[in-house]
């Protein structure tokens, strides 16, 4: 599941980075499709987060909040491209892309 989500995010980002203006109707349709797919990915991630259970011996867990932030970042980039407020350079900040969190060891109870 996380690999599929990550691949979709990378595809979305590649499509947005590969173009400079949403000039054609076909491109606008494709970018709108990306927005719908981001909604789907976000719903799937929310379900996965709800279904995840933290086992006592787990060392890592998936960082769903960070994934959600990156999805929002991509969504804003697509939306800003489809309806720019002005002709300014984009914000150059990058996606985090690292979704594994270290889980601190549980302290033994006295």
N, C-alpha and C. Protein backbone atom coordinates (compact mmCIF):
# COMPACT_ATOMS: atom_id res chain seq x y z
N UNK A 1 0.81 -1.20 0.00
CA UNK A 1 0.00 0.00 0.00
C UNK A 1 0.86 1.27 0.00
N UNK A 2 1.83 1.44 0.94
CA UNK A 2 2.63 2.66 0.91
C UNK A 2 3.40 2.83 -0.39
N UNK A 3 3.87 1.73 -0.99
CA UNK A 3 4.61 1.84 -2.24
C UNK A 3 3.72 2.37 -3.35
N UNK A 4 2.48 1.89 -3.43
CA UNK A 4 1.53 2.35 -4.44
C UNK A 4 1.22 3.83 -4.24
N UNK A 5 1.01 4.24 -3.01
CA UNK A 5 0.73 5.64 -2.71
C UNK A 5 1.91 6.51 -3.13
N UNK A 6 3.12 6.06 -2.78
CA UNK A 6 4.30 6.83 -3.12
C UNK A 6 4.47 6.94 -4.63
N UNK A 7 4.21 5.86 -5.36
CA UNK A 7 4.32 5.90 -6.83
C UNK A 7 3.32 6.89 -7.42
N UNK A 8 2.10 6.90 -6.90
CA UNK A 8 1.09 7.84 -7.40
C UNK A 8 1.52 9.28 -7.13
N UNK A 9 2.08 9.52 -5.94
CA UNK A 9 2.56 10.86 -5.63
C UNK A 9 3.67 11.28 -6.56
N UNK A 10 4.60 10.37 -6.83
CA UNK A 10 5.71 10.70 -7.73
C UNK A 10 5.20 10.97 -9.14
N UNK A 11 4.25 10.16 -9.62
CA UNK A 11 3.68 10.37 -10.94
C UNK A 11 3.01 11.73 -11.02
N UNK A 12 2.24 12.06 -10.00
CA UNK A 12 1.56 13.35 -9.97
C UNK A 12 2.56 14.50 -9.99
N UNK A 13 3.59 14.36 -9.20
CA UNK A 13 4.61 15.40 -9.14
C UNK A 13 5.34 15.53 -10.47
N UNK A 14 5.65 14.41 -11.11
CA UNK A 14 6.35 14.44 -12.40
C UNK A 14 5.51 15.13 -13.46
N UNK A 15 4.22 14.88 -13.46
CA UNK A 15 3.35 15.51 -14.45
C UNK A 15 3.29 17.01 -14.22
N UNK A 16 3.18 17.41 -12.96
CA UNK A 16 3.09 18.84 -12.66
C UNK A 16 4.41 19.53 -12.98
N UNK A 17 5.55 18.91 -12.65
CA UNK A 17 6.85 19.52 -12.92
C UNK A 17 7.18 19.55 -14.40
N UNK A 18 6.64 18.63 -15.19
CA UNK A 18 7.02 18.50 -16.59
C UNK A 18 6.41 19.54 -17.50
N UNK A 19 5.57 20.40 -16.98
CA UNK A 19 4.93 21.37 -17.85
C UNK A 19 4.98 22.75 -17.22
N UNK A 20 4.81 23.78 -18.06
CA UNK A 20 4.88 25.12 -17.50
C UNK A 20 3.54 25.85 -17.53
N UNK A 21 2.65 25.52 -18.43
CA UNK A 21 1.34 26.17 -18.47
C UNK A 21 0.28 25.14 -18.83
N UNK A 22 -0.87 25.26 -18.20
CA UNK A 22 -1.99 24.38 -18.53
C UNK A 22 -2.67 24.94 -19.75
N UNK A 23 -2.02 24.81 -20.90
CA UNK A 23 -2.49 25.47 -22.11
C UNK A 23 -3.62 24.71 -22.79
N UNK A 24 -3.55 23.41 -22.81
CA UNK A 24 -4.54 22.66 -23.58
C UNK A 24 -5.63 22.11 -22.67
N UNK A 25 -6.77 21.86 -23.28
CA UNK A 25 -7.88 21.26 -22.54
C UNK A 25 -7.51 19.86 -22.08
N UNK A 26 -6.74 19.13 -22.90
CA UNK A 26 -6.31 17.78 -22.52
C UNK A 26 -5.45 17.81 -21.26
N UNK A 27 -4.53 18.76 -21.19
CA UNK A 27 -3.68 18.87 -20.01
C UNK A 27 -4.50 19.23 -18.78
N UNK A 28 -5.44 20.14 -18.94
CA UNK A 28 -6.31 20.50 -17.81
C UNK A 28 -7.11 19.29 -17.34
N UNK A 29 -7.60 18.48 -18.28
CA UNK A 29 -8.32 17.26 -17.92
C UNK A 29 -7.43 16.30 -17.15
N UNK A 30 -6.19 16.16 -17.61
CA UNK A 30 -5.25 15.26 -16.94
C UNK A 30 -4.92 15.75 -15.53
N UNK A 31 -4.74 17.03 -15.37
CA UNK A 31 -4.44 17.58 -14.05
C UNK A 31 -5.65 17.48 -13.12
N UNK A 32 -6.84 17.63 -13.66
CA UNK A 32 -8.05 17.43 -12.86
C UNK A 32 -8.15 15.98 -12.42
N UNK A 33 -7.76 15.07 -13.30
CA UNK A 33 -7.73 13.65 -12.94
C UNK A 33 -6.74 13.40 -11.81
N UNK A 34 -5.61 14.05 -11.85
CA UNK A 34 -4.63 13.92 -10.77
C UNK A 34 -5.23 14.39 -9.46
N UNK A 35 -5.97 15.49 -9.50
CA UNK A 35 -6.60 15.98 -8.27
C UNK A 35 -7.58 14.96 -7.71
N UNK A 36 -8.36 14.33 -8.58
CA UNK A 36 -9.29 13.30 -8.11
C UNK A 36 -8.54 12.10 -7.55
N UNK A 37 -7.43 11.75 -8.19
CA UNK A 37 -6.63 10.62 -7.69
C UNK A 37 -5.99 10.95 -6.35
N UNK A 38 -5.60 12.20 -6.15
CA UNK A 38 -5.08 12.61 -4.84
C UNK A 38 -6.15 12.48 -3.77
N UNK A 39 -7.39 12.83 -4.11
CA UNK A 39 -8.49 12.64 -3.17
C UNK A 39 -8.64 11.17 -2.81
N UNK A 40 -8.54 10.30 -3.81
CA UNK A 40 -8.65 8.86 -3.58
C UNK A 40 -7.50 8.36 -2.71
N UNK A 41 -6.30 8.79 -3.02
CA UNK A 41 -5.13 8.39 -2.23
C UNK A 41 -5.30 8.84 -0.78
N UNK A 42 -5.78 10.06 -0.59
CA UNK A 42 -5.97 10.56 0.77
C UNK A 42 -7.02 9.74 1.53
N UNK A 43 -8.11 9.38 0.85
CA UNK A 43 -9.12 8.52 1.50
C UNK A 43 -8.54 7.16 1.85
N UNK A 44 -7.76 6.57 0.94
CA UNK A 44 -7.14 5.27 1.22
C UNK A 44 -6.17 5.36 2.39
N UNK A 45 -5.40 6.43 2.44
CA UNK A 45 -4.45 6.61 3.54
C UNK A 45 -5.18 6.78 4.87
N UNK A 46 -6.30 7.49 4.85
CA UNK A 46 -7.09 7.66 6.07
C UNK A 46 -7.63 6.32 6.55
N UNK A 47 -8.13 5.51 5.62
CA UNK A 47 -8.59 4.16 5.98
C UNK A 47 -7.45 3.31 6.52
N UNK A 48 -6.31 3.36 5.86
CA UNK A 48 -5.16 2.56 6.30
C UNK A 48 -4.71 3.00 7.69
N UNK A 49 -4.72 4.29 7.93
CA UNK A 49 -4.33 4.78 9.25
C UNK A 49 -5.29 4.29 10.32
N UNK A 50 -6.59 4.31 10.00
CA UNK A 50 -7.58 3.83 10.95
C UNK A 50 -7.47 2.34 11.22
N UNK A 51 -7.04 1.60 10.20
CA UNK A 51 -6.93 0.15 10.34
C UNK A 51 -5.60 -0.28 10.93
N UNK A 52 -4.63 0.62 10.98
CA UNK A 52 -3.31 0.24 11.49
C UNK A 52 -3.36 0.08 13.00
N UNK A 53 -2.61 -0.89 13.45
CA UNK A 53 -2.51 -1.12 14.89
C UNK A 53 -1.03 -1.13 15.25
N UNK A 54 -0.72 -0.46 16.31
CA UNK A 54 0.67 -0.41 16.78
C UNK A 54 0.91 -1.61 17.68
N UNK A 55 1.82 -2.45 17.26
CA UNK A 55 2.20 -3.61 18.06
C UNK A 55 3.26 -3.16 19.07
N UNK A 56 3.28 -3.76 20.25
CA UNK A 56 4.25 -3.35 21.27
C UNK A 56 5.70 -3.46 20.83
N UNK A 57 6.03 -4.43 19.99
CA UNK A 57 7.42 -4.61 19.57
C UNK A 57 7.79 -3.88 18.30
N UNK A 58 6.86 -3.13 17.70
CA UNK A 58 7.15 -2.42 16.46
C UNK A 58 8.20 -1.34 16.68
N UNK A 59 9.16 -1.31 15.76
CA UNK A 59 10.20 -0.29 15.85
C UNK A 59 9.84 0.92 14.99
N UNK A 60 9.09 0.69 13.92
CA UNK A 60 8.71 1.75 13.00
C UNK A 60 7.22 1.71 12.75
N UNK A 61 6.72 2.86 12.31
CA UNK A 61 5.34 2.93 11.85
C UNK A 61 5.28 3.91 10.69
N UNK A 62 4.22 3.84 9.92
CA UNK A 62 4.06 4.72 8.77
C UNK A 62 3.61 6.09 9.25
N UNK A 63 4.19 7.14 8.72
CA UNK A 63 3.89 8.52 9.13
C UNK A 63 2.76 9.07 8.26
N UNK A 64 1.53 8.76 8.62
CA UNK A 64 0.37 9.20 7.85
C UNK A 64 0.21 10.72 7.84
N UNK A 65 0.43 11.42 8.95
CA UNK A 65 0.31 12.89 8.90
C UNK A 65 1.27 13.52 7.88
N UNK A 66 2.48 13.02 7.79
CA UNK A 66 3.45 13.56 6.83
C UNK A 66 2.98 13.29 5.40
N UNK A 67 2.45 12.09 5.16
CA UNK A 67 1.92 11.77 3.84
C UNK A 67 0.79 12.74 3.49
N UNK A 68 -0.08 13.00 4.43
CA UNK A 68 -1.19 13.92 4.20
C UNK A 68 -0.68 15.32 3.85
N UNK A 69 0.37 15.76 4.53
CA UNK A 69 0.95 17.08 4.23
C UNK A 69 1.52 17.11 2.81
N UNK A 70 2.18 16.03 2.40
CA UNK A 70 2.74 15.98 1.05
C UNK A 70 1.64 15.95 -0.01
N UNK A 71 0.56 15.23 0.27
CA UNK A 71 -0.57 15.20 -0.66
C UNK A 71 -1.15 16.61 -0.80
N UNK A 72 -1.28 17.31 0.32
CA UNK A 72 -1.78 18.69 0.28
C UNK A 72 -0.85 19.57 -0.54
N UNK A 73 0.44 19.37 -0.39
CA UNK A 73 1.43 20.17 -1.13
C UNK A 73 1.29 19.95 -2.64
N UNK A 74 1.12 18.70 -3.03
CA UNK A 74 0.94 18.40 -4.46
C UNK A 74 -0.37 18.99 -4.95
N UNK A 75 -1.43 18.83 -4.15
CA UNK A 75 -2.74 19.37 -4.53
C UNK A 75 -2.66 20.88 -4.74
N UNK A 76 -1.99 21.58 -3.84
CA UNK A 76 -1.85 23.03 -3.97
C UNK A 76 -1.05 23.40 -5.22
N UNK A 77 -0.02 22.60 -5.53
CA UNK A 77 0.77 22.86 -6.72
C UNK A 77 -0.04 22.71 -7.99
N UNK A 78 -0.86 21.66 -8.06
CA UNK A 78 -1.71 21.44 -9.23
C UNK A 78 -2.73 22.57 -9.34
N UNK A 79 -3.37 22.88 -8.22
CA UNK A 79 -4.39 23.94 -8.23
C UNK A 79 -3.78 25.29 -8.59
N UNK A 80 -2.60 25.57 -8.05
CA UNK A 80 -1.92 26.83 -8.38
C UNK A 80 -1.55 26.91 -9.85
N UNK A 81 -1.26 25.76 -10.45
CA UNK A 81 -0.92 25.73 -11.87
C UNK A 81 -2.16 25.92 -12.73
N UNK A 82 -3.27 25.29 -12.32
CA UNK A 82 -4.51 25.41 -13.10
C UNK A 82 -5.11 26.80 -13.01
N UNK A 83 -4.97 27.46 -11.89
CA UNK A 83 -5.50 28.81 -11.75
C UNK A 83 -4.50 29.66 -10.98
N UNK A 84 -3.44 30.10 -11.66
CA UNK A 84 -2.41 30.89 -10.99
C UNK A 84 -2.93 32.27 -10.59
N UNK A 85 -2.47 32.74 -9.45
CA UNK A 85 -2.88 34.07 -9.00
C UNK A 85 -2.04 35.15 -9.66
N UNK A 86 -0.80 34.80 -10.00
CA UNK A 86 0.10 35.73 -10.68
C UNK A 86 1.27 34.94 -11.25
N UNK A 87 2.00 35.55 -12.12
CA UNK A 87 3.11 34.87 -12.76
C UNK A 87 4.38 35.02 -11.91
N UNK A 88 4.48 34.24 -10.87
CA UNK A 88 5.62 34.25 -9.99
C UNK A 88 6.22 32.85 -9.92
N UNK A 89 7.49 32.74 -9.60
CA UNK A 89 8.07 31.41 -9.43
C UNK A 89 7.40 30.66 -8.29
N UNK A 90 7.36 29.35 -8.43
CA UNK A 90 6.78 28.51 -7.39
C UNK A 90 7.65 28.49 -6.15
N UNK A 91 7.04 28.12 -5.04
CA UNK A 91 7.76 27.89 -3.80
C UNK A 91 8.66 26.68 -3.99
N UNK A 92 9.96 26.83 -3.78
CA UNK A 92 10.88 25.74 -4.10
C UNK A 92 10.98 24.63 -3.06
N UNK A 93 10.17 24.65 -2.00
CA UNK A 93 10.31 23.61 -0.98
C UNK A 93 9.96 22.25 -1.56
N UNK A 94 10.61 21.24 -1.04
CA UNK A 94 10.48 19.89 -1.57
C UNK A 94 9.59 19.04 -0.67
N UNK A 95 9.09 17.95 -1.25
CA UNK A 95 8.35 16.98 -0.46
C UNK A 95 9.33 16.26 0.45
N UNK A 96 8.82 15.81 1.56
CA UNK A 96 9.67 15.10 2.51
C UNK A 96 9.99 13.71 1.97
N UNK A 97 8.97 12.94 1.64
CA UNK A 97 9.17 11.63 1.02
C UNK A 97 9.61 10.53 1.96
N UNK A 98 9.90 10.81 3.19
CA UNK A 98 10.32 9.79 4.16
C UNK A 98 9.17 9.59 5.13
N UNK A 99 8.58 8.40 5.11
CA UNK A 99 7.35 8.17 5.88
C UNK A 99 7.52 7.13 6.97
N UNK A 100 8.72 6.82 7.37
CA UNK A 100 8.93 5.85 8.43
C UNK A 100 9.31 6.59 9.70
N UNK A 101 8.57 6.32 10.77
CA UNK A 101 8.86 6.94 12.06
C UNK A 101 9.45 5.90 12.99
N UNK A 102 10.46 6.28 13.74
CA UNK A 102 10.97 5.42 14.79
C UNK A 102 10.01 5.49 15.97
N UNK A 103 9.69 4.35 16.51
CA UNK A 103 8.83 4.29 17.68
C UNK A 103 9.74 4.12 18.88
N UNK A 104 9.67 5.06 19.85
CA UNK A 104 10.54 4.93 21.02
C UNK A 104 10.17 3.66 21.79
N UNK A 105 11.17 2.99 22.36
CA UNK A 105 10.88 1.78 23.11
C UNK A 105 10.00 2.09 24.31
N UNK A 106 9.07 1.19 24.59
CA UNK A 106 8.18 1.39 25.73
C UNK A 106 8.97 1.20 27.02
N UNK A 107 8.71 2.08 27.97
CA UNK A 107 9.40 1.96 29.25
C UNK A 107 8.72 0.87 30.07
N UNK A 108 9.53 0.04 30.72
CA UNK A 108 8.92 -1.03 31.52
C UNK A 108 8.14 -0.45 32.70
N UNK A 109 7.02 -1.06 32.99
CA UNK A 109 6.21 -0.58 34.11
C UNK A 109 6.81 -1.06 35.43
N UNK A 110 6.74 -0.24 36.47
CA UNK A 110 7.38 -0.61 37.76
C UNK A 110 6.67 -1.74 38.46
